[in-house]
Amino acid sequence: QVQLVESGAGLVPPGGSLRLSCAASGSTFSIYTMGWYRQAPGKQRELVASITSSGSTNYADSVKGRFTISRDNAKNTVYLQMANLKPEDTAVYYCNSPIWATQGKYWGQGTQVTVSS
């Protein structure tokens, strides 16, 4: 029922910026906490940022101060603004609700972020 479509893939140099978007359909988006996850080669998928229905945010230590998560409930969209990118940020980025993610459901195709000089 739920579809999540990530966009914003890019190849950027270290220190660069990129904005990712995630459009959701098929659910009542505004009531769910949403998060951005990433998976790098050889690594487990990790939650890097989340935002509750009321706008409270949390970040992994590795991205705190550099990434900003936001949402526009009128557009059923969540964003990840990434600044001062580092090579270790290279990964496929996914959006999902932690409620759905823990059930293994509704993962989209993700979007590739590559940080390289």
C-alpha atoms as a PDB file:
ATOM      1  CA  GLN A   1       0.000   0.000   0.000  1.00  0.00           C
ATOM      2  CA  VAL A   2       2.735   2.490   0.972  1.00  0.00           C
ATOM      3  CA  GLN A   3       5.150   3.754  -1.659  1.00  0.00           C
ATOM      4  CA  LEU A   4       8.327   5.661  -0.825  1.00  0.00           C
ATOM      5  CA  VAL A   5      10.306   7.281  -3.623  1.00  0.00           C
ATOM      6  CA  GLU A   6      13.724   8.778  -2.901  1.00  0.00           C
ATOM      7  CA  SER A   7      15.416  11.277  -5.187  1.00  0.00           C
ATOM      8  CA  GLY A   8      18.437  13.564  -5.242  1.00  0.00           C
ATOM      9  CA  ALA A   9      21.255  11.174  -6.154  1.00  0.00           C
ATOM     10  CA  GLY A  10      24.554  12.832  -6.874  1.00  0.00           C
ATOM     11  CA  LEU A  11      28.323  12.736  -7.127  1.00  0.00           C
ATOM     12  CA  VAL A  12      29.821  15.566  -5.086  1.00  0.00           C
ATOM     13  CA  PRO A  13      33.318  16.535  -3.925  1.00  0.00           C
ATOM     14  CA  PRO A  14      34.277  16.513  -0.238  1.00  0.00           C
ATOM     15  CA  GLY A  15      32.874  19.604   1.449  1.00  0.00           C
ATOM     16  CA  GLY A  16      29.967  19.786  -0.953  1.00  0.00           C
ATOM     17  CA  SER A  17      26.237  19.831  -0.280  1.00  0.00           C
ATOM     18  CA  LEU A  18      23.268  17.836  -1.506  1.00  0.00           C
ATOM     19  CA  ARG A  19      19.551  17.672  -0.746  1.00  0.00           C
ATOM     20  CA  LEU A  20      17.596  14.429  -0.818  1.00  0.00           C
ATOM     21  CA  SER A  21      13.813  14.155  -1.051  1.00  0.00           C
ATOM     22  CA  CYS A  22      11.409  11.351  -0.192  1.00  0.00           C
ATOM     23  CA  ALA A  23       7.841  11.373  -1.445  1.00  0.00           C
ATOM     24  CA  ALA A  24       5.338   9.146   0.334  1.00  0.00           C
ATOM     25  CA  SER A  25       1.971   7.939  -0.878  1.00  0.00           C
ATOM     26  CA  GLY A  26      -0.640   5.442   0.221  1.00  0.00           C
ATOM     27  CA  SER A  27      -0.680   6.291   3.930  1.00  0.00           C
ATOM     28  CA  THR A  28      -1.531   9.021   6.410  1.00  0.00           C
ATOM     29  CA  PHE A  29       1.966  10.485   6.281  1.00  0.00           C
ATOM     30  CA  SER A  30       1.605  13.240   8.845  1.00  0.00           C
ATOM     31  CA  ILE A  31       1.116  10.962  11.862  1.00  0.00           C
ATOM     32  CA  TYR A  32       4.321   8.939  11.417  1.00  0.00           C
ATOM     33  CA  THR A  33       7.857   9.512  12.537  1.00  0.00           C
ATOM     34  CA  MET A  34      10.057   9.421   9.431  1.00  0.00           C
ATOM     35  CA  GLY A  35      13.746   8.709   9.102  1.00  0.00           C
ATOM     36  CA  TRP A  36      16.635   8.639   6.690  1.00  0.00           C
ATOM     37  CA  TYR A  37      18.782   5.515   6.601  1.00  0.00           C
ATOM     38  CA  ARG A  38      21.956   4.755   4.715  1.00  0.00           C
ATOM     39  CA  GLN A  39      23.875   1.656   3.764  1.00  0.00           C
ATOM     40  CA  ALA A  40      27.501   1.790   2.707  1.00  0.00           C
ATOM     41  CA  PRO A  41      29.353  -1.137   1.099  1.00  0.00           C
ATOM     42  CA  GLY A  42      30.154  -3.779   3.707  1.00  0.00           C
ATOM     43  CA  LYS A  43      28.170  -1.969   6.395  1.00  0.00           C
ATOM     44  CA  GLN A  44      24.834  -2.492   8.100  1.00  0.00           C
ATOM     45  CA  ARG A  45      22.018  -0.121   7.271  1.00  0.00           C
ATOM     46  CA  GLU A  46      21.959   2.657   9.844  1.00  0.00           C
ATOM     47  CA  LEU A  47      19.490   5.337  10.856  1.00  0.00           C
ATOM     48  CA  VAL A  48      21.144   8.731  10.439  1.00  0.00           C
ATOM     49  CA  ALA A  49      18.261  11.127  11.126  1.00  0.00           C
ATOM     50  CA  SER A  50      14.627  11.061  12.214  1.00  0.00           C
ATOM     51  CA  ILE A  51      11.788  13.516  12.657  1.00  0.00           C
ATOM     52  CA  THR A  52       8.574  12.991  14.599  1.00  0.00           C
ATOM     53  CA  SER A  53       5.091  14.054  13.577  1.00  0.00           C
ATOM     54  CA  SER A  54       5.504  17.107  15.807  1.00  0.00           C
ATOM     55  CA  GLY A  55       8.882  18.058  14.342  1.00  0.00           C
ATOM     56  CA  SER A  56      11.333  16.780  16.958  1.00  0.00           C
ATOM     57  CA  THR A  57      14.595  15.628  15.370  1.00  0.00           C
ATOM     58  CA  ASN A  58      17.417  13.242  16.221  1.00  0.00           C
ATOM     59  CA  TYR A  59      20.719  12.592  14.467  1.00  0.00           C
ATOM     60  CA  ALA A  60      23.450  10.020  14.543  1.00  0.00           C
ATOM     61  CA  ASP A  61      26.685  11.392  15.984  1.00  0.00           C
ATOM     62  CA  SER A  62      28.400  10.892  12.635  1.00  0.00           C
ATOM     63  CA  VAL A  63      26.166  13.455  10.900  1.00  0.00           C
ATOM     64  CA  LYS A  64      25.165  15.803  13.717  1.00  0.00           C
ATOM     65  CA  GLY A  65      25.876  19.409  12.820  1.00  0.00           C
ATOM     66  CA  ARG A  66      26.135  18.637   9.109  1.00  0.00           C
ATOM     67  CA  PHE A  67      22.757  17.112   8.145  1.00  0.00           C
ATOM     68  CA  THR A  68      19.271  18.543   8.637  1.00  0.00           C
ATOM     69  CA  ILE A  69      16.062  16.543   8.348  1.00  0.00           C
ATOM     70  CA  SER A  70      12.764  18.300   7.675  1.00  0.00           C
ATOM     71  CA  ARG A  71       9.265  17.471   6.488  1.00  0.00           C
ATOM     72  CA  ASP A  72       6.442  19.095   4.573  1.00  0.00           C
ATOM     73  CA  ASN A  73       3.256  17.307   5.543  1.00  0.00           C
ATOM     74  CA  ALA A  74       1.200  19.153   2.927  1.00  0.00           C
ATOM     75  CA  LYS A  75       3.417  17.568   0.261  1.00  0.00           C
ATOM     76  CA  ASN A  76       3.851  14.186   2.004  1.00  0.00           C
ATOM     77  CA  THR A  77       7.584  14.720   1.666  1.00  0.00           C
ATOM     78  CA  VAL A  78      10.620  14.434   3.936  1.00  0.00           C
ATOM     79  CA  TYR A  79      13.980  16.019   3.121  1.00  0.00           C
ATOM     80  CA  LEU A  80      17.590  15.535   4.101  1.00  0.00           C
ATOM     81  CA  GLN A  81      19.856  18.539   3.599  1.00  0.00           C
ATOM     82  CA  MET A  82      23.483  17.401   3.695  1.00  0.00           C
ATOM     83  CA  ALA A  83      26.383  19.815   4.065  1.00  0.00           C
ATOM     84  CA  ASN A  84      30.154  19.467   4.433  1.00  0.00           C
ATOM     85  CA  LEU A  85      29.983  16.005   2.928  1.00  0.00           C
ATOM     86  CA  LYS A  86      32.763  13.532   3.612  1.00  0.00           C
ATOM     87  CA  PRO A  87      33.847  10.428   1.682  1.00  0.00           C
ATOM     88  CA  GLU A  88      32.529   8.272   4.522  1.00  0.00           C
ATOM     89  CA  ASP A  89      29.031   9.614   3.784  1.00  0.00           C
ATOM     90  CA  THR A  90      29.052   7.622   0.540  1.00  0.00           C
ATOM     91  CA  ALA A  91      26.103   5.219   0.654  1.00  0.00           C
ATOM     92  CA  VAL A  92      22.683   4.420  -0.695  1.00  0.00           C
ATOM     93  CA  TYR A  93      20.194   6.551   1.229  1.00  0.00           C
ATOM     94  CA  TYR A  94      16.665   5.383   2.023  1.00  0.00           C
ATOM     95  CA  CYS A  95      13.683   6.899   3.762  1.00  0.00           C
ATOM     96  CA  ASN A  96      11.201   4.974   5.861  1.00  0.00           C
ATOM     97  CA  SER A  97       9.225   5.144   9.057  1.00  0.00           C
ATOM     98  CA  PRO A  98      10.956   3.232  11.862  1.00  0.00           C
ATOM     99  CA  ILE A  99       7.573   1.627  12.552  1.00  0.00           C
ATOM    100  CA  TRP A 100       7.581   0.098   9.083  1.00  0.00           C
ATOM    101  CA  ALA A 101      11.327  -0.477   8.863  1.00  0.00           C
ATOM    102  CA  THR A 102      11.352  -2.760  11.901  1.00  0.00           C
ATOM    103  CA  GLN A 103       8.826  -4.934  10.069  1.00  0.00           C
ATOM    104  CA  GLY A 104      10.964  -5.020   6.923  1.00  0.00           C
ATOM    105  CA  LYS A 105       8.288  -3.211   4.972  1.00  0.00           C
ATOM    106  CA  TYR A 106       8.007  -0.446   2.384  1.00  0.00           C
ATOM    107  CA  TRP A 107      11.679   0.055   1.535  1.00  0.00           C
ATOM    108  CA  GLY A 108      12.089   1.966  -1.692  1.00  0.00           C
ATOM    109  CA  GLN A 109      14.913   1.800  -4.220  1.00  0.00           C
ATOM    110  CA  GLY A 110      17.043   4.359  -2.413  1.00  0.00           C
ATOM    111  CA  THR A 111      19.240   7.025  -3.939  1.00  0.00           C
ATOM    112  CA  GLN A 112      23.019   6.875  -4.365  1.00  0.00           C
ATOM    113  CA  VAL A 113      25.210   9.529  -2.780  1.00  0.00           C
ATOM    114  CA  THR A 114      28.885   9.434  -3.710  1.00  0.00           C
ATOM    115  CA  VAL A 115      31.393  11.819  -2.147  1.00  0.00           C
ATOM    116  CA  SER A 116      34.719  11.732  -3.949  1.00  0.00           C
ATOM    117  CA  SER A 117      37.433  14.034  -5.190  1.00  0.00           C
END
